[in-house]
């Protein structure tokens, strides 16, 4: 059993029955041409979002 580290110790994920659903955020959020990108660009870099998304996919 894996405990998801988000602050609520009651939430546990069963790795055999848990899926990661990642919506396609690349165009709107990660790409320079995306409508959301200018508003969140600094936080994307500060939190290394692209690197963390890659880790999740692996």
N, C-alpha and C. Protein backbone atom coordinates (compact mmCIF):
# COMPACT_ATOMS: atom_id res chain seq x y z
N UNK A 1 0.84 -1.18 0.00
CA UNK A 1 0.00 0.00 0.00
C UNK A 1 0.88 1.24 0.00
N UNK A 2 0.53 2.21 -0.80
CA UNK A 2 1.29 3.46 -0.92
C UNK A 2 0.45 4.58 -0.34
N UNK A 3 1.01 5.37 0.56
CA UNK A 3 0.29 6.51 1.10
C UNK A 3 0.64 7.74 0.29
N UNK A 4 -0.36 8.35 -0.26
CA UNK A 4 -0.20 9.54 -1.10
C UNK A 4 0.14 10.73 -0.21
N UNK A 5 1.25 11.38 -0.44
CA UNK A 5 1.74 12.45 0.43
C UNK A 5 1.12 13.80 0.08
N UNK A 6 -0.13 13.97 0.46
CA UNK A 6 -0.77 15.26 0.21
C UNK A 6 -1.32 15.88 1.48
N UNK A 7 -1.01 15.29 2.62
CA UNK A 7 -1.42 15.88 3.88
C UNK A 7 -2.57 15.17 4.56
N UNK A 8 -3.27 14.30 3.87
CA UNK A 8 -4.37 13.55 4.48
C UNK A 8 -3.93 12.10 4.66
N UNK A 9 -3.56 11.71 5.86
CA UNK A 9 -3.04 10.35 6.07
C UNK A 9 -4.08 9.25 5.85
N UNK A 10 -5.35 9.61 5.76
CA UNK A 10 -6.40 8.61 5.56
C UNK A 10 -6.46 8.11 4.12
N UNK A 11 -5.92 8.86 3.18
CA UNK A 11 -5.98 8.48 1.78
C UNK A 11 -4.81 7.55 1.47
N UNK A 12 -5.14 6.38 0.97
CA UNK A 12 -4.12 5.41 0.58
C UNK A 12 -4.43 4.91 -0.82
N UNK A 13 -3.39 4.66 -1.59
CA UNK A 13 -3.55 4.19 -2.95
C UNK A 13 -3.06 2.75 -3.05
N UNK A 14 -3.88 1.90 -3.58
CA UNK A 14 -3.51 0.52 -3.83
C UNK A 14 -2.90 0.49 -5.23
N UNK A 15 -1.59 0.31 -5.34
CA UNK A 15 -0.90 0.42 -6.62
C UNK A 15 -1.43 -0.53 -7.69
N UNK A 16 -1.97 -1.67 -7.29
CA UNK A 16 -2.50 -2.62 -8.28
C UNK A 16 -3.85 -2.18 -8.83
N UNK A 17 -4.52 -1.27 -8.14
CA UNK A 17 -5.85 -0.84 -8.57
C UNK A 17 -5.95 0.67 -8.72
N UNK A 18 -4.83 1.31 -8.97
CA UNK A 18 -4.79 2.76 -9.09
C UNK A 18 -4.21 3.15 -10.45
N UNK A 19 -4.81 4.14 -11.07
CA UNK A 19 -4.32 4.61 -12.37
C UNK A 19 -3.97 6.09 -12.28
N UNK A 20 -3.05 6.50 -13.09
CA UNK A 20 -2.72 7.91 -13.22
C UNK A 20 -3.36 8.41 -14.51
N UNK A 21 -4.24 9.38 -14.38
CA UNK A 21 -4.88 9.97 -15.56
C UNK A 21 -4.28 11.36 -15.73
N UNK A 22 -3.60 11.54 -16.84
CA UNK A 22 -2.94 12.81 -17.10
C UNK A 22 -3.57 13.41 -18.35
N UNK A 23 -4.30 14.49 -18.15
CA UNK A 23 -4.93 15.17 -19.28
C UNK A 23 -3.86 15.84 -20.13
N UNK A 24 -4.15 16.04 -21.38
CA UNK A 24 -3.19 16.67 -22.29
C UNK A 24 -3.14 18.17 -22.02
N UNK A 25 -2.20 18.56 -21.18
CA UNK A 25 -2.06 19.98 -20.82
C UNK A 25 -0.96 20.67 -21.61
N UNK A 26 -0.32 19.93 -22.48
CA UNK A 26 0.86 20.45 -23.15
C UNK A 26 0.59 21.74 -23.92
N UNK A 27 -0.43 21.78 -24.76
CA UNK A 27 -0.66 22.97 -25.58
C UNK A 27 -1.10 24.18 -24.78
N UNK A 28 -2.06 24.01 -23.90
CA UNK A 28 -2.62 25.15 -23.18
C UNK A 28 -1.73 25.66 -22.05
N UNK A 29 -1.02 24.77 -21.39
CA UNK A 29 -0.26 25.17 -20.21
C UNK A 29 1.25 25.19 -20.41
N UNK A 30 1.78 24.18 -21.06
CA UNK A 30 3.23 24.06 -21.15
C UNK A 30 3.84 24.77 -22.35
N UNK A 31 3.10 24.90 -23.42
CA UNK A 31 3.64 25.53 -24.63
C UNK A 31 3.56 27.06 -24.54
N UNK A 32 4.55 27.72 -25.07
CA UNK A 32 4.58 29.19 -25.06
C UNK A 32 3.34 29.80 -25.72
N UNK A 33 2.74 29.09 -26.66
CA UNK A 33 1.59 29.62 -27.39
C UNK A 33 0.26 29.38 -26.67
N UNK A 34 0.29 28.64 -25.58
CA UNK A 34 -0.93 28.32 -24.85
C UNK A 34 -1.54 29.52 -24.16
N UNK A 35 -2.86 29.54 -24.08
CA UNK A 35 -3.54 30.69 -23.48
C UNK A 35 -3.27 30.81 -21.98
N UNK A 36 -3.01 29.71 -21.30
CA UNK A 36 -2.75 29.73 -19.85
C UNK A 36 -1.29 30.01 -19.53
N UNK A 37 -0.43 29.71 -20.46
CA UNK A 37 1.02 29.74 -20.20
C UNK A 37 1.52 31.05 -19.60
N UNK A 38 1.16 32.21 -20.14
CA UNK A 38 1.70 33.46 -19.58
C UNK A 38 1.35 33.66 -18.10
N UNK A 39 0.21 33.15 -17.68
CA UNK A 39 -0.23 33.34 -16.29
C UNK A 39 0.50 32.44 -15.30
N UNK A 40 1.00 31.30 -15.78
CA UNK A 40 1.59 30.32 -14.86
C UNK A 40 3.05 29.98 -15.19
N UNK A 41 3.62 30.67 -16.15
CA UNK A 41 4.97 30.36 -16.61
C UNK A 41 6.00 30.32 -15.47
N UNK A 42 5.96 31.32 -14.59
CA UNK A 42 6.93 31.37 -13.50
C UNK A 42 6.80 30.16 -12.57
N UNK A 43 5.58 29.78 -12.24
CA UNK A 43 5.36 28.64 -11.34
C UNK A 43 5.73 27.32 -12.02
N UNK A 44 5.50 27.21 -13.33
CA UNK A 44 5.90 26.01 -14.05
C UNK A 44 7.40 25.78 -13.91
N UNK A 45 8.16 26.86 -14.08
CA UNK A 45 9.62 26.76 -13.96
C UNK A 45 10.04 26.53 -12.52
N UNK A 46 9.45 27.28 -11.60
CA UNK A 46 9.81 27.18 -10.18
C UNK A 46 9.57 25.77 -9.64
N UNK A 47 8.50 25.14 -10.07
CA UNK A 47 8.14 23.80 -9.58
C UNK A 47 8.60 22.67 -10.49
N UNK A 48 9.37 23.00 -11.54
CA UNK A 48 9.89 21.99 -12.47
C UNK A 48 8.79 21.04 -12.96
N UNK A 49 7.68 21.62 -13.37
CA UNK A 49 6.50 20.84 -13.75
C UNK A 49 6.79 19.87 -14.89
N UNK A 50 7.48 20.31 -15.91
CA UNK A 50 7.77 19.43 -17.05
C UNK A 50 8.57 18.21 -16.61
N UNK A 51 9.55 18.42 -15.74
CA UNK A 51 10.36 17.29 -15.24
C UNK A 51 9.51 16.32 -14.43
N UNK A 52 8.63 16.86 -13.60
CA UNK A 52 7.79 16.00 -12.76
C UNK A 52 6.77 15.23 -13.60
N UNK A 53 6.25 15.85 -14.65
CA UNK A 53 5.34 15.13 -15.55
C UNK A 53 6.06 13.97 -16.21
N UNK A 54 7.29 14.20 -16.60
CA UNK A 54 8.09 13.13 -17.22
C UNK A 54 8.31 11.99 -16.22
N UNK A 55 8.61 12.33 -14.97
CA UNK A 55 8.78 11.30 -13.94
C UNK A 55 7.52 10.47 -13.75
N UNK A 56 6.37 11.13 -13.74
CA UNK A 56 5.11 10.41 -13.58
C UNK A 56 4.85 9.46 -14.74
N UNK A 57 5.19 9.90 -15.93
CA UNK A 57 4.97 9.04 -17.11
C UNK A 57 5.89 7.82 -17.09
N UNK A 58 7.08 7.99 -16.55
CA UNK A 58 8.00 6.85 -16.47
C UNK A 58 7.51 5.86 -15.44
